[in-house]
N, C-alpha and C. Protein backbone atom coordinates (compact mmCIF):
# COMPACT_ATOMS: atom_id res chain seq x y z
N MET A 1 91.80 41.16 119.76
CA MET A 1 90.91 40.04 119.95
C MET A 1 89.55 40.39 119.35
N PRO A 2 89.10 39.68 118.32
CA PRO A 2 87.82 39.98 117.69
C PRO A 2 86.65 39.64 118.60
N ILE A 3 85.60 40.47 118.49
CA ILE A 3 84.39 40.26 119.27
C ILE A 3 83.25 40.00 118.30
N LYS A 4 82.45 39.02 118.58
CA LYS A 4 81.32 38.70 117.74
C LYS A 4 80.17 39.66 118.04
N VAL A 5 79.35 39.92 117.04
CA VAL A 5 78.19 40.79 117.22
C VAL A 5 77.28 40.23 118.31
N GLU A 6 77.14 38.91 118.35
CA GLU A 6 76.29 38.29 119.36
C GLU A 6 76.78 38.63 120.77
N GLU A 7 78.09 38.66 120.95
CA GLU A 7 78.65 38.98 122.26
C GLU A 7 78.33 40.42 122.64
N ILE A 8 78.40 41.31 121.68
CA ILE A 8 78.10 42.72 121.94
C ILE A 8 76.63 42.87 122.34
N LEU A 9 75.75 42.18 121.61
CA LEU A 9 74.32 42.25 121.93
C LEU A 9 74.03 41.67 123.31
N GLU A 10 74.66 40.56 123.65
CA GLU A 10 74.48 39.97 124.97
C GLU A 10 74.92 40.94 126.06
N TYR A 11 76.05 41.58 125.86
CA TYR A 11 76.57 42.54 126.82
C TYR A 11 75.60 43.71 126.98
N ALA A 12 75.07 44.22 125.86
CA ALA A 12 74.14 45.34 125.91
C ALA A 12 72.84 44.94 126.61
N GLU A 13 72.36 43.72 126.37
CA GLU A 13 71.13 43.26 127.00
C GLU A 13 71.29 43.12 128.52
N GLU A 14 72.51 42.81 128.97
CA GLU A 14 72.76 42.72 130.40
C GLU A 14 72.52 44.07 131.09
N TYR A 15 72.70 45.14 130.35
CA TYR A 15 72.52 46.47 130.91
C TYR A 15 71.17 47.09 130.55
N GLY A 16 70.24 46.26 130.10
CA GLY A 16 68.88 46.71 129.89
C GLY A 16 68.54 47.18 128.49
N TYR A 17 69.46 47.14 127.58
CA TYR A 17 69.18 47.55 126.20
C TYR A 17 68.61 46.37 125.44
N LYS A 18 67.43 46.55 124.88
CA LYS A 18 66.81 45.50 124.08
C LYS A 18 66.85 45.93 122.62
N PRO A 19 67.71 45.31 121.81
CA PRO A 19 67.78 45.71 120.41
C PRO A 19 66.48 45.39 119.68
N LYS A 20 66.07 46.32 118.82
CA LYS A 20 64.85 46.15 118.04
C LYS A 20 65.20 45.47 116.73
N LYS A 21 64.48 44.44 116.41
CA LYS A 21 64.75 43.75 115.14
C LYS A 21 64.03 44.49 114.02
N ALA A 22 64.75 44.76 112.96
CA ALA A 22 64.17 45.46 111.81
C ALA A 22 63.32 44.49 111.00
N THR A 23 62.22 44.99 110.54
CA THR A 23 61.37 44.19 109.66
C THR A 23 61.63 44.63 108.23
N SER A 24 61.06 43.93 107.29
CA SER A 24 61.27 44.33 105.90
C SER A 24 60.65 45.69 105.62
N ASP A 25 59.59 46.06 106.39
CA ASP A 25 58.95 47.36 106.19
C ASP A 25 59.75 48.49 106.81
N GLU A 26 60.50 48.18 107.84
CA GLU A 26 61.22 49.23 108.56
C GLU A 26 62.68 48.83 108.72
N MET A 27 63.51 49.29 107.86
CA MET A 27 64.92 48.99 107.94
C MET A 27 65.65 50.18 108.58
N LEU A 28 66.80 49.94 109.11
CA LEU A 28 67.57 50.98 109.79
C LEU A 28 67.82 52.18 108.88
N GLY A 29 68.23 51.93 107.67
CA GLY A 29 68.53 53.01 106.73
C GLY A 29 67.33 53.87 106.41
N ASP A 30 66.14 53.29 106.40
CA ASP A 30 64.93 54.06 106.10
C ASP A 30 64.72 55.16 107.13
N GLY A 31 64.93 54.83 108.38
CA GLY A 31 64.76 55.83 109.43
C GLY A 31 65.79 56.94 109.34
N LEU A 32 67.01 56.58 109.01
CA LEU A 32 68.06 57.58 108.91
C LEU A 32 67.91 58.44 107.66
N LEU A 33 67.57 57.82 106.54
CA LEU A 33 67.46 58.56 105.29
C LEU A 33 66.15 59.33 105.18
N GLY A 34 65.17 58.96 105.98
CA GLY A 34 63.89 59.66 105.95
C GLY A 34 64.03 61.15 106.26
N VAL A 35 65.06 61.52 106.96
CA VAL A 35 65.31 62.92 107.29
C VAL A 35 65.52 63.74 106.03
N PHE A 36 66.06 63.13 105.00
CA PHE A 36 66.39 63.83 103.77
C PHE A 36 65.29 63.71 102.70
N GLU A 37 64.17 63.12 103.06
CA GLU A 37 63.09 62.94 102.10
C GLU A 37 62.63 64.30 101.60
N GLY A 38 62.53 64.44 100.30
CA GLY A 38 62.10 65.70 99.71
C GLY A 38 63.24 66.66 99.40
N ALA A 39 64.45 66.34 99.81
CA ALA A 39 65.59 67.22 99.54
C ALA A 39 65.88 67.29 98.05
N ILE A 40 65.69 66.18 97.35
CA ILE A 40 65.87 66.14 95.90
C ILE A 40 64.49 65.95 95.28
N PRO A 41 64.06 66.87 94.43
CA PRO A 41 62.73 66.76 93.83
C PRO A 41 62.56 65.45 93.06
N LYS A 42 61.34 64.94 93.06
CA LYS A 42 61.03 63.71 92.33
C LYS A 42 61.35 63.92 90.85
N GLY A 43 61.91 62.91 90.22
CA GLY A 43 62.25 62.98 88.81
C GLY A 43 63.65 63.51 88.55
N LYS A 44 64.33 64.01 89.58
CA LYS A 44 65.70 64.49 89.43
C LYS A 44 66.63 63.59 90.21
N THR A 45 67.84 63.51 89.75
CA THR A 45 68.85 62.75 90.49
C THR A 45 69.84 63.74 91.10
N SER A 46 70.62 63.25 92.04
CA SER A 46 71.63 64.12 92.64
C SER A 46 72.64 64.56 91.59
N THR A 47 72.87 63.72 90.59
CA THR A 47 73.80 64.07 89.50
C THR A 47 73.26 65.26 88.72
N ASP A 48 71.95 65.28 88.45
CA ASP A 48 71.33 66.41 87.75
C ASP A 48 71.54 67.71 88.53
N ILE A 49 71.35 67.65 89.83
CA ILE A 49 71.50 68.84 90.66
C ILE A 49 72.94 69.32 90.66
N ILE A 50 73.89 68.39 90.75
CA ILE A 50 75.31 68.77 90.73
C ILE A 50 75.66 69.43 89.41
N LYS A 51 75.15 68.90 88.31
CA LYS A 51 75.41 69.51 86.99
C LYS A 51 74.86 70.93 86.94
N GLU A 52 73.66 71.14 87.47
CA GLU A 52 73.07 72.48 87.48
C GLU A 52 73.91 73.43 88.30
N LEU A 53 74.36 72.99 89.46
CA LEU A 53 75.19 73.84 90.31
C LEU A 53 76.50 74.20 89.64
N ARG A 54 77.10 73.27 88.93
CA ARG A 54 78.34 73.55 88.21
C ARG A 54 78.13 74.58 87.11
N ARG A 55 76.99 74.47 86.40
CA ARG A 55 76.66 75.44 85.35
C ARG A 55 76.49 76.83 85.93
N GLU A 56 75.87 76.92 87.10
CA GLU A 56 75.65 78.21 87.74
C GLU A 56 76.96 78.85 88.19
N ARG A 57 77.92 78.04 88.60
CA ARG A 57 79.21 78.57 89.06
C ARG A 57 80.09 79.02 87.91
N ALA A 58 79.87 78.46 86.73
CA ALA A 58 80.74 78.75 85.58
C ALA A 58 80.50 80.13 85.01
């Protein structure tokens, strides 16, 4: 039996959980991905790093 997202939110609110609405400035992914900020130097892509690692292993 499928459940609608609205039903899940209503159920959660009954137990005191108030979902926070994301704004355009603060999206869910930004908070999660912010942990990895700086892991890849500016100007490089993850593909560049993988290529370098492969060269080092060869």
